[in-house]
C-alpha atoms as a PDB file:
ATOM      1  CA  MET A   1      -7.189 -13.965 -18.861  1.00  0.00           C
ATOM      2  CA  PHE A   2      -6.514 -16.417 -15.806  1.00  0.00           C
ATOM      3  CA  ARG A   3      -7.184 -19.145 -17.755  1.00  0.00           C
ATOM      4  CA  MET A   4      -4.580 -18.041 -20.213  1.00  0.00           C
ATOM      5  CA  ILE A   5      -1.754 -17.525 -17.911  1.00  0.00           C
ATOM      6  CA  THR A   6      -2.827 -21.358 -16.075  1.00  0.00           C
ATOM      7  CA  ALA A   7      -2.621 -22.955 -19.583  1.00  0.00           C
ATOM      8  CA  LEU A   8       0.967 -21.369 -20.583  1.00  0.00           C
ATOM      9  CA  ASP A   9       2.223 -22.066 -16.805  1.00  0.00           C
ATOM     10  CA  PRO A  10       0.080 -25.040 -14.977  1.00  0.00           C
ATOM     11  CA  GLU A  11       3.048 -25.130 -11.641  1.00  0.00           C
ATOM     12  CA  ARG A  12       0.898 -21.330 -11.260  1.00  0.00           C
ATOM     13  CA  LEU A  13      -1.841 -23.150 -10.038  1.00  0.00           C
ATOM     14  CA  TYR A  14       0.470 -23.866  -6.964  1.00  0.00           C
ATOM     15  CA  TYR A  15       2.336 -21.248  -6.114  1.00  0.00           C
ATOM     16  CA  ASN A  16       1.863 -19.702  -3.009  1.00  0.00           C
ATOM     17  CA  THR A  17       0.215 -16.453  -2.944  1.00  0.00           C
ATOM     18  CA  GLY A  18      -1.352 -14.171  -0.034  1.00  0.00           C
ATOM     19  CA  ASN A  19      -5.192 -15.420  -0.018  1.00  0.00           C
ATOM     20  CA  SER A  20      -5.556 -18.870   0.957  1.00  0.00           C
ATOM     21  CA  LYS A  21      -8.608 -19.069  -0.037  1.00  0.00           C
ATOM     22  CA  ASN A  22      -7.915 -18.288  -4.062  1.00  0.00           C
ATOM     23  CA  THR A  23      -4.727 -20.289  -3.731  1.00  0.00           C
ATOM     24  CA  GLU A  24      -6.264 -23.628  -2.002  1.00  0.00           C
ATOM     25  CA  LYS A  25      -9.559 -23.100  -4.886  1.00  0.00           C
ATOM     26  CA  ARG A  26      -7.464 -23.249  -7.461  1.00  0.00           C
ATOM     27  CA  SER A  27      -4.298 -26.172  -6.579  1.00  0.00           C
ATOM     28  CA  GLY A  28      -7.422 -27.951  -4.395  1.00  0.00           C
ATOM     29  CA  VAL A  29      -4.842 -28.884  -1.803  1.00  0.00           C
ATOM     30  CA  CYS A  30      -3.907 -27.359   1.676  1.00  0.00           C
ATOM     31  CA  MET A  31      -0.817 -25.294   1.548  1.00  0.00           C
ATOM     32  CA  ALA A  32       0.179 -27.186   4.606  1.00  0.00           C
ATOM     33  CA  GLY A  33       2.533 -24.800   7.062  1.00  0.00           C
ATOM     34  CA  LYS A  34       2.119 -21.968   4.517  1.00  0.00           C
ATOM     35  CA  ASN A  35      -1.485 -20.600   4.220  1.00  0.00           C
ATOM     36  CA  CYS A  36      -3.614 -22.914   6.397  1.00  0.00           C
ATOM     37  CA  ASP A  37      -1.604 -23.458   9.548  1.00  0.00           C
ATOM     38  CA  LEU A  38      -1.383 -20.459  10.825  1.00  0.00           C
ATOM     39  CA  GLU A  39      -3.209 -20.206  14.116  1.00  0.00           C
ATOM     40  CA  ASN A  40      -0.094 -21.223  15.984  1.00  0.00           C
ATOM     41  CA  ALA A  41       2.195 -18.388  13.882  1.00  0.00           C
ATOM     42  CA  PRO A  42       4.399 -16.746  16.185  1.00  0.00           C
ATOM     43  CA  ALA A  43       3.643 -13.573  17.293  1.00  0.00           C
ATOM     44  CA  ASP A  44       6.558 -11.908  15.932  1.00  0.00           C
ATOM     45  CA  SER A  45       5.145 -13.396  12.250  1.00  0.00           C
ATOM     46  CA  LEU A  46       3.813 -11.082   9.381  1.00  0.00           C
ATOM     47  CA  HIS A  47       0.244 -13.012  10.181  1.00  0.00           C
ATOM     48  CA  ALA A  48       0.082 -12.246  14.027  1.00  0.00           C
ATOM     49  CA  ARG A  49       1.322  -8.779  13.577  1.00  0.00           C
ATOM     50  CA  PHE A  50      -1.399  -8.361  10.748  1.00  0.00           C
ATOM     51  CA  LYS A  51      -3.867  -9.329  12.845  1.00  0.00           C
ATOM     52  CA  TYR A  52      -2.474  -7.416  15.514  1.00  0.00           C
ATOM     53  CA  PHE A  53      -2.394  -4.079  13.945  1.00  0.00           C
ATOM     54  CA  LYS A  54      -5.827  -4.560  12.643  1.00  0.00           C
ATOM     55  CA  ARG A  55      -7.903  -5.142  15.838  1.00  0.00           C
ATOM     56  CA  LYS A  56     -10.440  -2.462  16.420  1.00  0.00           C
ATOM     57  CA  ASP A  57     -11.283  -4.381  20.314  1.00  0.00           C
ATOM     58  CA  ILE A  58      -7.851  -2.829  21.654  1.00  0.00           C
ATOM     59  CA  LYS A  59      -5.443   0.200  20.303  1.00  0.00           C
ATOM     60  CA  PRO A  60      -2.487  -1.538  18.834  1.00  0.00           C
ATOM     61  CA  ASP A  61       0.906  -0.225  19.809  1.00  0.00           C
ATOM     62  CA  PHE A  62       2.175   1.561  17.092  1.00  0.00           C
ATOM     63  CA  SER A  63       5.193   3.131  18.386  1.00  0.00           C
ATOM     64  CA  LYS A  64       6.778  -0.225  18.787  1.00  0.00           C
ATOM     65  CA  LEU A  65       7.386  -1.003  15.271  1.00  0.00           C
ATOM     66  CA  ASN A  66       9.623  -3.823  13.744  1.00  0.00           C
ATOM     67  CA  ALA A  67      11.561  -1.344  11.391  1.00  0.00           C
ATOM     68  CA  PRO A  68      13.308  -2.515   8.413  1.00  0.00           C
ATOM     69  CA  ASP A  69      17.231  -1.912   8.619  1.00  0.00           C
ATOM     70  CA  PHE A  70      17.530   0.763   6.138  1.00  0.00           C
ATOM     71  CA  GLN A  71      20.403   2.604   5.004  1.00  0.00           C
ATOM     72  CA  GLN A  72      19.538   6.485   5.307  1.00  0.00           C
ATOM     73  CA  LYS A  73      20.906   8.994   3.058  1.00  0.00           C
ATOM     74  CA  ILE A  74      20.155  12.757   1.728  1.00  0.00           C
ATOM     75  CA  ILE A  75      20.300  13.388  -1.343  1.00  0.00           C
ATOM     76  CA  ASP A  76      19.920  16.509  -3.986  1.00  0.00           C
ATOM     77  CA  THR A  77      18.249  15.281  -7.349  1.00  0.00           C
ATOM     78  CA  ASN A  78      19.318  18.605  -9.375  1.00  0.00           C
ATOM     79  CA  VAL A  79      16.518  17.906 -11.252  1.00  0.00           C
ATOM     80  CA  ASP A  80      14.688  20.994 -13.038  1.00  0.00           C
ATOM     81  CA  SER A  81      11.560  20.412 -12.888  1.00  0.00           C
ATOM     82  CA  TRP A  82       8.133  20.986 -11.568  1.00  0.00           C
ATOM     83  CA  MET A  83       6.860  17.872 -10.613  1.00  0.00           C
ATOM     84  CA  ILE A  84      10.228  17.373  -8.479  1.00  0.00           C
ATOM     85  CA  ASN A  85      12.138  18.774  -5.487  1.00  0.00           C
ATOM     86  CA  SER A  86      15.890  19.228  -6.275  1.00  0.00           C
ATOM     87  CA  SER A  87      17.208  19.284  -2.506  1.00  0.00           C
ATOM     88  CA  GLY A  88      16.581  17.500   0.870  1.00  0.00           C
ATOM     89  CA  VAL A  89      14.906  14.100  -0.842  1.00  0.00           C
ATOM     90  CA  LYS A  90      15.498  10.883   1.804  1.00  0.00           C
ATOM     91  CA  VAL A  91      16.048   8.007   0.882  1.00  0.00           C
ATOM     92  CA  LEU A  92      15.733   4.964   2.846  1.00  0.00           C
ATOM     93  CA  GLN A  93      16.856   1.299   1.449  1.00  0.00           C
ATOM     94  CA  THR A  94      16.991  -2.400   2.093  1.00  0.00           C
ATOM     95  CA  LYS A  95      19.782  -4.618   0.617  1.00  0.00           C
ATOM     96  CA  SER A  96      16.559  -6.657  -0.235  1.00  0.00           C
ATOM     97  CA  GLY A  97      15.146  -4.084  -2.696  1.00  0.00           C
ATOM     98  CA  LEU A  98      12.324  -2.279  -0.023  1.00  0.00           C
ATOM     99  CA  LEU A  99      13.367   1.885  -1.352  1.00  0.00           C
ATOM    100  CA  ILE A 100      10.984   4.527   0.268  1.00  0.00           C
ATOM    101  CA  CYS A 101      12.054   8.554  -1.018  1.00  0.00           C
ATOM    102  CA  LYS A 102      10.628  10.996   0.788  1.00  0.00           C
ATOM    103  CA  ASN A 103      10.295  14.857   0.136  1.00  0.00           C
ATOM    104  CA  LEU A 104      10.719  13.831  -3.646  1.00  0.00           C
ATOM    105  CA  PHE A 105       7.622  14.877  -5.059  1.00  0.00           C
ATOM    106  CA  SER A 106       6.759  18.524  -5.016  1.00  0.00           C
ATOM    107  CA  LYS A 107       3.789  19.896  -3.483  1.00  0.00           C
ATOM    108  CA  LYS A 108       2.345  21.100  -7.188  1.00  0.00           C
ATOM    109  CA  LEU A 109       2.402  17.678  -8.375  1.00  0.00           C
ATOM    110  CA  LEU A 110       1.143  16.202  -5.174  1.00  0.00           C
ATOM    111  CA  GLN A 111      -1.587  18.163  -5.689  1.00  0.00           C
ATOM    112  CA  ARG A 112      -2.359  17.686  -9.370  1.00  0.00           C
ATOM    113  CA  LEU A 113      -1.955  13.768  -8.557  1.00  0.00           C
ATOM    114  CA  GLY A 114      -4.772  13.554  -5.854  1.00  0.00           C
ATOM    115  CA  GLU A 115      -7.165  16.095  -7.718  1.00  0.00           C
ATOM    116  CA  GLU A 116      -6.789  13.353 -10.480  1.00  0.00           C
ATOM    117  CA  ALA A 117      -7.186  10.578  -8.453  1.00  0.00           C
ATOM    118  CA  LEU A 118     -10.011  12.121  -6.541  1.00  0.00           C
ATOM    119  CA  PHE A 119     -12.116  14.142  -8.739  1.00  0.00           C
ATOM    120  CA  GLU A 120     -11.552  13.048 -12.367  1.00  0.00           C
ATOM    121  CA  TYR A 121      -9.970   9.234 -12.208  1.00  0.00           C
ATOM    122  CA  THR A 122     -13.238   8.123 -10.520  1.00  0.00           C
ATOM    123  CA  LYS A 123     -15.733   9.481 -13.122  1.00  0.00           C
ATOM    124  CA  THR A 124     -14.093   7.298 -15.151  1.00  0.00           C
ATOM    125  CA  GLU A 125     -15.342   3.221 -16.374  1.00  0.00           C
ATOM    126  CA  VAL A 126     -11.755   1.861 -15.010  1.00  0.00           C
ATOM    127  CA  GLY A 127     -12.540   3.944 -11.527  1.00  0.00           C
ATOM    128  CA  ARG A 128     -15.784   2.315 -10.650  1.00  0.00           C
ATOM    129  CA  ASN A 129     -14.329   0.205  -7.729  1.00  0.00           C
ATOM    130  CA  ASN A 130     -16.477  -2.941  -8.272  1.00  0.00           C
ATOM    131  CA  LEU A 131     -19.777  -4.857  -9.714  1.00  0.00           C
ATOM    132  CA  ILE A 132     -21.937  -3.859  -7.085  1.00  0.00           C
ATOM    133  CA  ASN A 133     -21.624  -0.261  -7.600  1.00  0.00           C
ATOM    134  CA  VAL A 134     -21.794  -0.494 -11.661  1.00  0.00           C
ATOM    135  CA  GLY A 135     -23.186   2.777 -13.244  1.00  0.00           C
ATOM    136  CA  ARG A 136     -22.274   4.576  -9.211  1.00  0.00           C
ATOM    137  CA  THR A 137     -19.054   5.984  -9.736  1.00  0.00           C
ATOM    138  CA  LEU A 138     -17.040   6.657  -6.305  1.00  0.00           C
ATOM    139  CA  THR A 139     -17.492  10.195  -6.992  1.00  0.00           C
ATOM    140  CA  ASP A 140     -21.240   9.880  -6.677  1.00  0.00           C
ATOM    141  CA  LYS A 141     -20.261   8.390  -2.682  1.00  0.00           C
ATOM    142  CA  ILE A 142     -17.743  10.959  -1.988  1.00  0.00           C
ATOM    143  CA  VAL A 143     -20.091  13.704  -2.868  1.00  0.00           C
ATOM    144  CA  ASN A 144     -22.654  12.287  -0.737  1.00  0.00           C
ATOM    145  CA  TRP A 145     -19.686  11.549   2.406  1.00  0.00           C
ATOM    146  CA  SER A 146     -19.926  13.631   5.666  1.00  0.00           C
ATOM    147  CA  ALA A 147     -16.842  14.203   7.326  1.00  0.00           C
ATOM    148  CA  ASP A 148     -17.465  11.482  10.004  1.00  0.00           C
ATOM    149  CA  ASP A 149     -17.962   8.778   7.249  1.00  0.00           C
ATOM    150  CA  ILE A 150     -14.838   9.125   5.369  1.00  0.00           C
ATOM    151  CA  LEU A 151     -12.817   8.876   8.730  1.00  0.00           C
ATOM    152  CA  LYS A 152     -14.750   5.866   9.475  1.00  0.00           C
ATOM    153  CA  GLN A 153     -14.295   4.589   5.948  1.00  0.00           C
ATOM    154  CA  ALA A 154     -10.483   5.508   6.502  1.00  0.00           C
ATOM    155  CA  ASN A 155      -9.972   3.850   9.846  1.00  0.00           C
ATOM    156  CA  ASN A 156     -11.546   0.458   8.573  1.00  0.00           C
ATOM    157  CA  SER A 157      -9.452   0.410   5.538  1.00  0.00           C
ATOM    158  CA  SER A 158      -6.686  -2.239   4.974  1.00  0.00           C
ATOM    159  CA  ILE A 159      -5.023  -4.227   2.249  1.00  0.00           C
ATOM    160  CA  GLY A 160      -4.758  -8.109   3.300  1.00  0.00           C
ATOM    161  CA  ILE A 161      -1.018  -9.892   2.502  1.00  0.00           C
ATOM    162  CA  HIS A 162      -0.669 -11.298  -0.858  1.00  0.00           C
ATOM    163  CA  ARG A 163       1.820 -10.754  -3.184  1.00  0.00           C
ATOM    164  CA  ASP A 164       1.997  -9.421  -7.102  1.00  0.00           C
ATOM    165  CA  ASP A 165       2.942 -12.466  -8.754  1.00  0.00           C
ATOM    166  CA  ILE A 166      -0.629 -12.561 -10.365  1.00  0.00           C
ATOM    167  CA  ASP A 167       1.415 -11.229 -13.742  1.00  0.00           C
ATOM    168  CA  TYR A 168       4.348 -11.749 -15.647  1.00  0.00           C
ATOM    169  CA  GLN A 169       6.052  -8.936 -15.142  1.00  0.00           C
ATOM    170  CA  ILE A 170       9.450  -8.279 -13.545  1.00  0.00           C
ATOM    171  CA  ALA A 171       9.442  -4.366 -13.284  1.00  0.00           C
ATOM    172  CA  PRO A 172       9.469  -2.912  -9.768  1.00  0.00           C
ATOM    173  CA  ILE A 173       6.430  -2.234  -8.251  1.00  0.00           C
ATOM    174  CA  MET A 174       6.380   1.386  -7.533  1.00  0.00           C
ATOM    175  CA  THR A 175       3.499   3.234  -5.510  1.00  0.00           C
ATOM    176  CA  ILE A 176       2.728   6.870  -4.404  1.00  0.00           C
ATOM    177  CA  SER A 177       0.898   7.503  -1.002  1.00  0.00           C
ATOM    178  CA  LEU A 178      -1.667  10.648  -1.013  1.00  0.00           C
ATOM    179  CA  GLY A 179      -3.277  11.522   2.919  1.00  0.00           C
ATOM    180  CA  CYS A 180      -3.123   9.653   5.878  1.00  0.00           C
ATOM    181  CA  PRO A 181      -0.571   7.235   7.160  1.00  0.00           C
ATOM    182  CA  GLY A 182      -0.725   3.613   6.162  1.00  0.00           C
ATOM    183  CA  LEU A 183       0.949   1.301   8.119  1.00  0.00           C
ATOM    184  CA  PHE A 184       2.766  -1.012   5.619  1.00  0.00           C
ATOM    185  CA  GLN A 185       4.032  -4.184   6.450  1.00  0.00           C
ATOM    186  CA  ILE A 186       6.590  -6.638   4.085  1.00  0.00           C
ATOM    187  CA  GLY A 187       7.589 -10.219   4.694  1.00  0.00           C
ATOM    188  CA  LYS A 188      11.490 -12.086   5.089  1.00  0.00           C
ATOM    189  CA  GLY A 189       9.384 -15.426   3.842  1.00  0.00           C
ATOM    190  CA  GLU A 190       6.505 -16.884   4.590  1.00  0.00           C
ATOM    191  CA  ARG A 191       3.498 -15.660   6.165  1.00  0.00           C
ATOM    192  CA  ASP A 192       4.255 -17.357   9.079  1.00  0.00           C
ATOM    193  CA  GLU A 193       7.997 -15.774   8.902  1.00  0.00           C
ATOM    194  CA  GLU A 194       9.020 -12.465  10.732  1.00  0.00           C
ATOM    195  CA  GLY A 195       8.394  -9.038   8.757  1.00  0.00           C
ATOM    196  CA  TYR A 196       9.222  -5.445   8.820  1.00  0.00           C
ATOM    197  CA  GLU A 197       6.611  -2.860   9.260  1.00  0.00           C
ATOM    198  CA  VAL A 198       6.928   1.338   8.550  1.00  0.00           C
ATOM    199  CA  PHE A 199       4.280   4.094   8.140  1.00  0.00           C
ATOM    200  CA  LEU A 200       3.935   5.247   4.180  1.00  0.00           C
ATOM    201  CA  GLU A 201       3.406   8.649   4.542  1.00  0.00           C
ATOM    202  CA  HIS A 202       1.831  11.714   1.785  1.00  0.00           C
ATOM    203  CA  GLY A 203       4.163  11.655  -0.765  1.00  0.00           C
ATOM    204  CA  ASP A 204       6.718   9.139   0.143  1.00  0.00           C
ATOM    205  CA  LEU A 205       7.257   7.094  -2.953  1.00  0.00           C
ATOM    206  CA  CYS A 206       7.622   3.156  -2.308  1.00  0.00           C
ATOM    207  CA  ILE A 207       9.231   0.770  -4.598  1.00  0.00           C
ATOM    208  CA  LEU A 208       9.872  -3.211  -4.480  1.00  0.00           C
ATOM    209  CA  ASP A 209      12.488  -4.590  -6.383  1.00  0.00           C
ATOM    210  CA  GLY A 210      14.776  -7.112  -6.130  1.00  0.00           C
ATOM    211  CA  PRO A 211      13.921  -9.892  -3.538  1.00  0.00           C
ATOM    212  CA  ASP A 212      11.463  -7.669  -2.087  1.00  0.00           C
ATOM    213  CA  ARG A 213       9.272  -7.820  -5.796  1.00  0.00           C
ATOM    214  CA  SER A 214       7.579 -10.993  -4.926  1.00  0.00           C
ATOM    215  CA  ALA A 215       7.703 -10.629  -1.421  1.00  0.00           C
ATOM    216  CA  PHE A 216       4.241 -10.778   1.160  1.00  0.00           C
ATOM    217  CA  HIS A 217       3.055  -7.133   1.798  1.00  0.00           C
ATOM    218  CA  ALA A 218      -0.200  -5.528   3.386  1.00  0.00           C
ATOM    219  CA  VAL A 219      -1.971  -2.644   5.154  1.00  0.00           C
ATOM    220  CA  PRO A 220      -3.106  -3.972   8.099  1.00  0.00           C
ATOM    221  CA  ARG A 221      -4.430   0.021   9.138  1.00  0.00           C
ATOM    222  CA  ILE A 222      -4.662   3.463   8.124  1.00  0.00           C
ATOM    223  CA  LEU A 223      -4.154   5.745  10.892  1.00  0.00           C
ATOM    224  CA  SER A 224      -5.446   9.764  11.225  1.00  0.00           C
ATOM    225  CA  PHE A 225      -2.685  12.173  11.816  1.00  0.00           C
ATOM    226  CA  GLU A 226      -3.257  12.374  15.283  1.00  0.00           C
ATOM    227  CA  ASP A 227      -2.929   8.782  15.648  1.00  0.00           C
ATOM    228  CA  THR A 228       0.641   8.789  14.845  1.00  0.00           C
ATOM    229  CA  THR A 229       3.838  10.653  16.308  1.00  0.00           C
ATOM    230  CA  GLY A 230       6.584  11.329  14.050  1.00  0.00           C
ATOM    231  CA  VAL A 231       4.517  11.796  10.711  1.00  0.00           C
ATOM    232  CA  GLU A 232       4.846  14.931   9.194  1.00  0.00           C
ATOM    233  CA  PRO A 233       1.268  16.910   9.584  1.00  0.00           C
ATOM    234  CA  LEU A 234      -0.871  17.375   6.204  1.00  0.00           C
ATOM    235  CA  SER A 235       0.050  20.893   4.505  1.00  0.00           C
ATOM    236  CA  ALA A 236      -2.140  22.852   2.940  1.00  0.00           C
ATOM    237  CA  SER A 237      -2.709  23.089  -0.156  1.00  0.00           C
ATOM    238  CA  ASP A 238      -4.907  25.062  -3.247  1.00  0.00           C
ATOM    239  CA  ASN A 239      -7.430  22.999  -3.011  1.00  0.00           C
ATOM    240  CA  SER A 240      -9.945  22.262   0.228  1.00  0.00           C
ATOM    241  CA  ARG A 241     -11.665  19.827  -0.944  1.00  0.00           C
ATOM    242  CA  LEU A 242      -9.307  17.479  -1.526  1.00  0.00           C
ATOM    243  CA  ASP A 243      -7.333  18.499   1.661  1.00  0.00           C
ATOM    244  CA  ALA A 244     -10.699  18.113   3.632  1.00  0.00           C
ATOM    245  CA  TYR A 245     -10.310  14.270   2.129  1.00  0.00           C
ATOM    246  CA  LEU A 246      -6.509  13.568   2.504  1.00  0.00           C
ATOM    247  CA  ARG A 247      -7.056  14.384   6.089  1.00  0.00           C
ATOM    248  CA  GLN A 248      -8.813  12.151   6.924  1.00  0.00           C
ATOM    249  CA  SER A 249      -8.098   9.050   3.847  1.00  0.00           C
ATOM    250  CA  ARG A 250      -5.402   7.580   1.999  1.00  0.00           C
ATOM    251  CA  ILE A 251      -5.302   7.279  -2.024  1.00  0.00           C
ATOM    252  CA  ASN A 252      -2.124   5.135  -2.876  1.00  0.00           C
ATOM    253  CA  ILE A 253      -1.598   4.718  -6.892  1.00  0.00           C
ATOM    254  CA  SER A 254       0.476   2.117  -8.224  1.00  0.00           C
ATOM    255  CA  LEU A 255       2.593   1.653 -11.068  1.00  0.00           C
ATOM    256  CA  ARG A 256       3.626  -1.473 -12.025  1.00  0.00           C
ATOM    257  CA  GLN A 257       5.223  -1.101 -15.563  1.00  0.00           C
ATOM    258  CA  CYS A 258       6.292   2.051 -17.470  1.00  0.00           C
ATOM    259  CA  LYS A 259       7.321   2.347 -20.555  1.00  0.00           C
ATOM    260  CA  ASN A 260      10.594   4.293 -21.397  1.00  0.00           C
END
């Protein structure tokens, strides 16, 4: 698949994706000033802030985030559906295309999504998380995890700085967050330039569109509900096993492209 893409577009070899090693391996050159020359990146750059928030030797100050300049509004969807709340939806939107919707999805839908993601999807062939675990699904590991193991996994999890430009899709990227809050970063330009930070909470719909569709972004840290202020606690559902997992970990559901 990758060979076919590069054959169609040789210039793609030089695209500056978020993974410096992969970019340099494909191009055979150092992306000077972009991926290689980051040791002296400014303290307020996306790269430096990512490293800061990932640190385990100190406790980063999560109360001082460089928040996006959101336009905020409360809307009523007036949708007659068990999946969507009809009123009280909070919409946060930037001019560059980042959009976050809070309280859009019903508790029933969030529970259904969590159950499908955790207990059903993980049993499938495509639900196996990497080659090391071929023949062993994520469900197998969840059965043997203690609460302490899950909490440690949540606190140690992160998504590195990257761009979603590996395919030829221009449709917006949508994600649904379940469980513990994740610190989301999105860049204004390159990795050595400034970025923004915002918490994605349980039930949040995050959309990357417009210029932000191809922006660098990352999740440097997943926090427990106790370690964050101003974040709504997780309310109980009808599934105690799901609740126990989501109180100590996070599920991110990505929607890359939808059919009409």
